[in-house]
Amino acid sequence: MENYKKILIHICILTVLIIPVFTHAQPVGPGTGGGITIDNPLKCSDNSCNTLPSLLRTLLNNVVMPVAAVFVTVWIIYAGFSYVMAQGNEKKVSEAHQRLLWSLVGAGILLGAAAISGVVQNTVCQFITCS
């Protein structure tokens, strides 16, 4: 009986996963209107992501920096909230101070990473042709 339940559960899961594939399948080809296009998530439609330095610069500017900036901002707000919630308790104020300190260190690391990547890219571009 236990094996029957396991087999039935697997069949139900496969049915839920397989049926949408067949019901929503579209013919792909000329004249069918079902062509698949995938937009470039890095937003470099002018082929500026063809070299390694430009790809790294694009990833840093369009992915890493915005996500990390949001995390730093949220952490600074959390540190401020911790100061307010400490209500004069020395231990909690000390913890809030550490949170603020390390969030500012993180912001400094982000700015430093952007500066270092610019310096490295300019140095490498002096030796090879960069676009």
Protein backbone atom coordinates (compact mmCIF):
# COMPACT_ATOMS: atom_id res chain seq x y z
CA MET A 1 0.00 0.00 0.00
CA GLU A 2 2.87 2.37 0.86
CA ASN A 3 4.59 1.74 -2.49
CA TYR A 4 1.29 2.36 -4.27
CA LYS A 5 1.03 5.80 -2.62
CA LYS A 6 4.60 6.68 -3.61
CA ILE A 7 4.00 5.65 -7.22
CA LEU A 8 0.72 7.59 -7.32
CA ILE A 9 2.41 10.71 -5.95
CA HIS A 10 5.18 10.47 -8.56
CA ILE A 11 2.64 10.04 -11.36
CA CYS A 12 0.69 13.08 -10.14
CA ILE A 13 3.82 15.22 -9.96
CA LEU A 14 4.92 14.14 -13.45
CA THR A 15 1.45 14.83 -14.79
CA VAL A 16 1.45 18.35 -13.34
CA LEU A 17 4.89 19.02 -14.81
CA ILE A 18 4.44 17.35 -18.22
CA ILE A 19 0.91 18.41 -19.27
CA PRO A 20 1.71 22.17 -19.51
CA VAL A 21 4.59 21.36 -21.86
CA PHE A 22 2.25 19.72 -24.35
CA THR A 23 -0.71 22.08 -23.94
CA HIS A 24 1.30 25.28 -24.33
CA ALA A 25 3.68 24.09 -27.00
CA GLN A 26 3.77 26.29 -30.07
CA PRO A 27 5.10 25.43 -33.49
CA VAL A 28 8.38 27.18 -34.17
CA GLY A 29 9.47 28.01 -37.65
CA PRO A 30 9.02 30.47 -40.48
CA GLY A 31 5.47 31.70 -40.83
CA THR A 32 4.16 30.17 -37.59
CA GLY A 33 4.62 33.26 -35.43
CA GLY A 34 6.09 31.20 -32.63
CA GLY A 35 9.73 32.25 -32.94
CA ILE A 36 11.66 32.35 -29.71
CA THR A 37 13.64 35.45 -28.84
CA ILE A 38 15.76 35.93 -25.76
CA ASP A 39 16.65 39.49 -24.86
CA ASN A 40 20.16 40.18 -23.64
CA PRO A 41 19.91 40.69 -19.87
CA LEU A 42 23.12 42.72 -19.83
CA LYS A 43 21.63 45.45 -22.04
CA CYS A 44 24.54 45.56 -24.46
CA SER A 45 22.78 45.34 -27.80
CA ASP A 46 25.61 47.11 -29.64
CA ASN A 47 27.94 44.09 -29.15
CA SER A 48 29.92 45.91 -26.44
CA CYS A 49 30.04 42.68 -24.40
CA ASN A 50 32.27 40.85 -26.87
CA THR A 51 35.50 41.34 -24.92
CA LEU A 52 36.25 40.13 -21.42
CA PRO A 53 36.97 43.59 -19.93
CA SER A 54 33.76 45.04 -21.34
CA LEU A 55 31.77 42.02 -20.15
CA LEU A 56 33.20 42.36 -16.64
CA ARG A 57 32.51 46.11 -16.65
CA THR A 58 28.94 45.49 -17.79
CA LEU A 59 28.37 42.82 -15.14
CA LEU A 60 29.83 45.03 -12.44
CA ASN A 61 27.81 48.10 -13.42
CA ASN A 62 24.49 46.42 -14.27
CA VAL A 63 24.31 43.51 -11.82
CA VAL A 64 26.73 43.58 -8.90
CA MET A 65 26.71 47.26 -7.98
CA PRO A 66 22.91 47.80 -7.96
CA VAL A 67 22.27 44.64 -5.92
CA ALA A 68 25.06 45.39 -3.47
CA ALA A 69 23.97 49.03 -3.14
CA VAL A 70 20.48 47.88 -2.15
CA PHE A 71 21.94 45.52 0.47
CA VAL A 72 24.17 48.27 1.91
CA THR A 73 21.24 50.70 2.07
CA VAL A 74 19.00 48.17 3.79
CA TRP A 75 21.77 47.31 6.26
CA ILE A 76 22.34 50.99 7.12
CA ILE A 77 18.60 51.41 7.71
CA TYR A 78 18.63 48.28 9.88
CA ALA A 79 21.54 49.69 11.89
CA GLY A 80 19.62 52.93 12.45
CA PHE A 81 16.57 50.94 13.50
CA SER A 82 18.79 49.00 15.91
CA TYR A 83 19.99 52.29 17.45
CA VAL A 84 16.39 53.36 18.02
CA MET A 85 15.36 49.99 19.45
CA ALA A 86 18.38 49.88 21.79
CA GLN A 87 16.74 52.52 24.04
CA GLY A 88 19.98 53.28 25.85
CA ASN A 89 21.02 49.67 26.48
CA GLU A 90 24.80 49.80 26.15
CA LYS A 91 25.15 46.29 24.70
CA LYS A 92 22.50 46.87 22.04
CA VAL A 93 23.90 50.31 21.20
CA SER A 94 27.31 48.69 20.75
CA GLU A 95 25.81 46.05 18.43
CA ALA A 96 24.02 48.75 16.42
CA HIS A 97 27.29 50.69 16.17
CA GLN A 98 29.05 47.57 14.84
CA ARG A 99 26.27 47.06 12.25
CA LEU A 100 26.64 50.64 11.06
CA LEU A 101 30.42 50.38 10.98
CA TRP A 102 30.41 47.18 8.92
CA SER A 103 27.75 48.49 6.54
CA LEU A 104 29.93 51.53 5.87
CA VAL A 105 32.93 49.23 5.40
CA GLY A 106 30.85 47.29 2.86
CA ALA A 107 29.99 50.53 1.05
CA GLY A 108 33.69 51.41 0.98
CA ILE A 109 34.53 47.99 -0.45
CA LEU A 110 31.94 48.52 -3.20
CA LEU A 111 33.40 51.88 -4.13
CA GLY A 112 36.90 50.47 -3.93
CA ALA A 113 35.96 47.55 -6.18
CA ALA A 114 34.60 49.94 -8.79
CA ALA A 115 37.74 52.07 -8.60
CA ILE A 116 40.09 49.08 -8.74
CA SER A 117 38.24 47.60 -11.71
CA GLY A 118 38.57 50.92 -13.54
CA VAL A 119 42.29 51.11 -12.82
CA VAL A 120 42.88 47.51 -13.89
CA GLN A 121 40.85 48.00 -17.06
CA ASN A 122 42.76 51.15 -17.99
CA THR A 123 46.07 49.40 -17.31
CA VAL A 124 45.13 46.40 -19.44
CA CYS A 125 43.80 48.67 -22.20
CA GLN A 126 47.21 50.33 -22.44
CA PHE A 127 48.68 47.01 -23.55
CA ILE A 128 45.83 45.76 -25.78
CA THR A 129 43.20 47.42 -27.90
CA CYS A 130 39.99 47.94 -25.91
CA SER A 131 36.69 49.21 -27.19
